Amino acid sequence: MNKLHKRRLYFIGVFTLGLSLTAGLILYSLRQNINVFMTPSQLISAQISSDYYVRLGGMVKPGSLKHDPNNLNVNFIVTDLKKDIPVHYTGVLPDLFREGKGVVAEGRLNSQGQFNAAIILAKHDENYMPKNVYKAMREGNG
């Protein structure tokens, strides 16, 4: 092997090492920002500690929404149709929040099995309809 071949081999090795290091750092930083949620069944079976901050996703059980008239406390139940978890939240709920609709709550599960939410995100239907089409469908013209 002559000098030119050794130099090329050295540059290929350094390039491969740099590329591997860059890919590793990117994957490590993305791992910290992945926003996945657990269903009530997964959360109950996971047996996590009360200091673990997690996202809980599911449907708001119909008939479970209770507003406190004196303050912004809200209690409801999130279900995945297999298991239920009671949720407590203090604050203003999103406009799309409804019973029977999807919800993602961020917070902690306490030792009594109640989920104390810090943030509530309402999930919406993926089927987009322009306002005039939606209005016509609601009026029975569509």
Protein backbone atom coordinates (compact mmCIF):
# COMPACT_ATOMS: atom_id res chain seq x y z
CA MET A 1 0.00 0.00 0.00
CA ASN A 2 1.44 3.33 -0.97
CA LYS A 3 1.12 6.72 0.74
CA LEU A 4 -1.92 7.81 -1.31
CA HIS A 5 -3.89 4.67 -0.41
CA LYS A 6 -3.06 5.09 3.30
CA ARG A 7 -4.18 8.73 3.21
CA ARG A 8 -7.50 7.80 1.53
CA LEU A 9 -8.07 5.01 4.04
CA TYR A 10 -7.37 7.43 6.90
CA PHE A 11 -9.86 10.02 5.54
CA ILE A 12 -12.53 7.34 5.00
CA GLY A 13 -12.03 6.15 8.61
CA VAL A 14 -12.27 9.69 10.04
CA PHE A 15 -15.33 10.43 7.89
CA THR A 16 -17.07 7.21 9.00
CA LEU A 17 -16.27 7.92 12.66
CA GLY A 18 -17.62 11.49 12.36
CA LEU A 19 -20.75 10.32 10.59
CA SER A 20 -21.38 7.67 13.25
CA LEU A 21 -20.87 10.19 16.06
CA THR A 22 -23.23 12.69 14.40
CA ALA A 23 -25.93 10.05 13.87
CA GLY A 24 -25.57 8.91 17.49
CA LEU A 25 -25.96 12.45 18.84
CA ILE A 26 -29.00 13.11 16.65
CA LEU A 27 -30.72 9.90 17.76
CA TYR A 28 -29.91 10.63 21.41
CA SER A 29 -31.43 14.13 21.23
CA LEU A 30 -34.54 12.84 19.42
CA ARG A 31 -35.04 10.16 22.07
CA GLN A 32 -35.60 12.88 24.65
CA ASN A 33 -38.22 14.65 22.50
CA ILE A 34 -40.40 11.73 21.46
CA ASN A 35 -43.97 12.46 22.52
CA VAL A 36 -45.75 9.16 22.97
CA PHE A 37 -48.60 8.44 25.34
CA MET A 38 -49.77 5.43 27.30
CA THR A 39 -53.31 4.10 27.37
CA PRO A 40 -54.99 3.48 30.74
CA SER A 41 -54.37 -0.28 30.39
CA GLN A 42 -50.66 0.29 29.72
CA LEU A 43 -50.33 2.81 32.55
CA ILE A 44 -52.00 0.54 35.11
CA SER A 45 -49.92 -2.48 34.11
CA ALA A 46 -46.64 -0.48 34.00
CA GLN A 47 -46.54 0.08 37.79
CA ILE A 48 -44.62 3.36 37.49
CA SER A 49 -43.60 5.56 40.41
CA SER A 50 -45.61 8.66 41.32
CA ASP A 51 -42.79 11.03 40.36
CA TYR A 52 -42.72 9.80 36.73
CA TYR A 53 -44.16 12.41 34.32
CA VAL A 54 -46.14 10.68 31.57
CA ARG A 55 -48.74 11.28 28.87
CA LEU A 56 -52.05 9.48 29.25
CA GLY A 57 -54.15 9.06 26.12
CA GLY A 58 -57.64 7.74 25.55
CA MET A 59 -61.27 8.75 25.36
CA VAL A 60 -63.15 10.90 27.87
CA LYS A 61 -65.76 8.54 29.30
CA PRO A 62 -69.29 9.85 28.61
CA GLY A 63 -71.03 11.09 31.76
CA SER A 64 -67.80 11.37 33.77
CA LEU A 65 -67.04 15.09 33.33
CA LYS A 66 -67.53 17.03 36.58
CA HIS A 67 -66.80 20.77 36.86
CA ASP A 68 -66.36 22.39 40.28
CA PRO A 69 -68.58 25.53 40.23
CA ASN A 70 -66.35 27.41 42.68
CA ASN A 71 -63.01 27.10 40.86
CA LEU A 72 -61.32 25.65 37.76
CA ASN A 73 -61.07 22.07 39.08
CA VAL A 74 -62.25 19.43 36.62
CA ASN A 75 -62.56 15.68 37.16
CA PHE A 76 -63.22 13.12 34.43
CA ILE A 77 -62.36 9.56 33.50
CA VAL A 78 -60.08 8.54 30.64
CA THR A 79 -60.79 5.11 29.17
CA ASP A 80 -59.41 2.84 26.48
CA LEU A 81 -62.59 0.73 26.70
CA LYS A 82 -60.70 -1.84 28.81
CA LYS A 83 -59.50 0.14 31.85
CA ASP A 84 -60.44 3.53 33.31
CA ILE A 85 -58.29 6.12 35.10
CA PRO A 86 -59.79 9.09 36.97
CA VAL A 87 -58.14 12.39 36.02
CA HIS A 88 -57.98 15.63 38.02
CA TYR A 89 -57.10 18.88 36.26
CA THR A 90 -57.08 22.50 37.39
CA GLY A 91 -57.35 25.01 34.57
CA VAL A 92 -59.24 25.94 31.44
CA LEU A 93 -60.01 23.02 29.14
CA PRO A 94 -59.30 23.23 25.38
CA ASP A 95 -62.21 24.16 23.09
CA LEU A 96 -62.23 20.72 21.44
CA PHE A 97 -62.48 18.88 24.79
CA ARG A 98 -65.70 16.84 24.89
CA GLU A 99 -67.05 13.68 26.48
CA GLY A 100 -66.62 10.72 24.16
CA LYS A 101 -63.73 12.39 22.30
CA GLY A 102 -59.99 11.73 22.39
CA VAL A 103 -57.74 13.40 24.93
CA VAL A 104 -54.09 13.39 25.93
CA ALA A 105 -53.26 14.44 29.50
CA GLU A 106 -49.73 15.12 30.73
CA GLY A 107 -49.01 14.62 34.41
CA ARG A 108 -48.40 12.07 37.16
CA LEU A 109 -50.30 9.08 38.51
CA ASN A 110 -50.59 9.31 42.32
CA SER A 111 -50.56 6.40 44.76
CA GLN A 112 -54.40 6.29 44.90
CA GLY A 113 -54.60 5.64 41.14
CA GLN A 114 -55.74 9.14 40.20
CA PHE A 115 -53.95 10.94 37.37
CA ASN A 116 -53.11 14.56 38.23
CA ALA A 117 -52.87 16.36 34.91
CA ALA A 118 -50.78 19.47 34.36
CA ILE A 119 -51.70 19.85 30.68
CA ILE A 120 -54.77 18.68 28.73
CA LEU A 121 -54.61 18.31 24.95
CA ALA A 122 -57.82 17.60 23.03
CA LYS A 123 -57.47 15.33 20.02
CA HIS A 124 -59.53 16.16 16.97
CA ASP A 125 -60.89 14.10 14.13
CA GLU A 126 -58.46 13.59 11.25
CA ASN A 127 -61.20 14.13 8.68
CA TYR A 128 -61.02 17.79 7.68
CA MET A 129 -64.09 19.43 6.20
CA PRO A 130 -64.30 23.05 5.08
CA LYS A 131 -66.64 25.17 7.18
CA ASN A 132 -69.36 25.43 4.50
CA VAL A 133 -69.46 21.63 3.94
CA TYR A 134 -69.65 20.99 7.68
CA LYS A 135 -72.45 23.55 8.05
CA ALA A 136 -74.41 21.99 5.17
CA MET A 137 -74.05 18.52 6.69
CA ARG A 138 -75.28 19.75 10.08
CA GLU A 139 -78.31 21.40 8.46
CA GLY A 140 -79.13 18.24 6.50
CA ASN A 141 -78.37 19.68 3.06
CA GLY A 142 -75.29 17.60 2.37
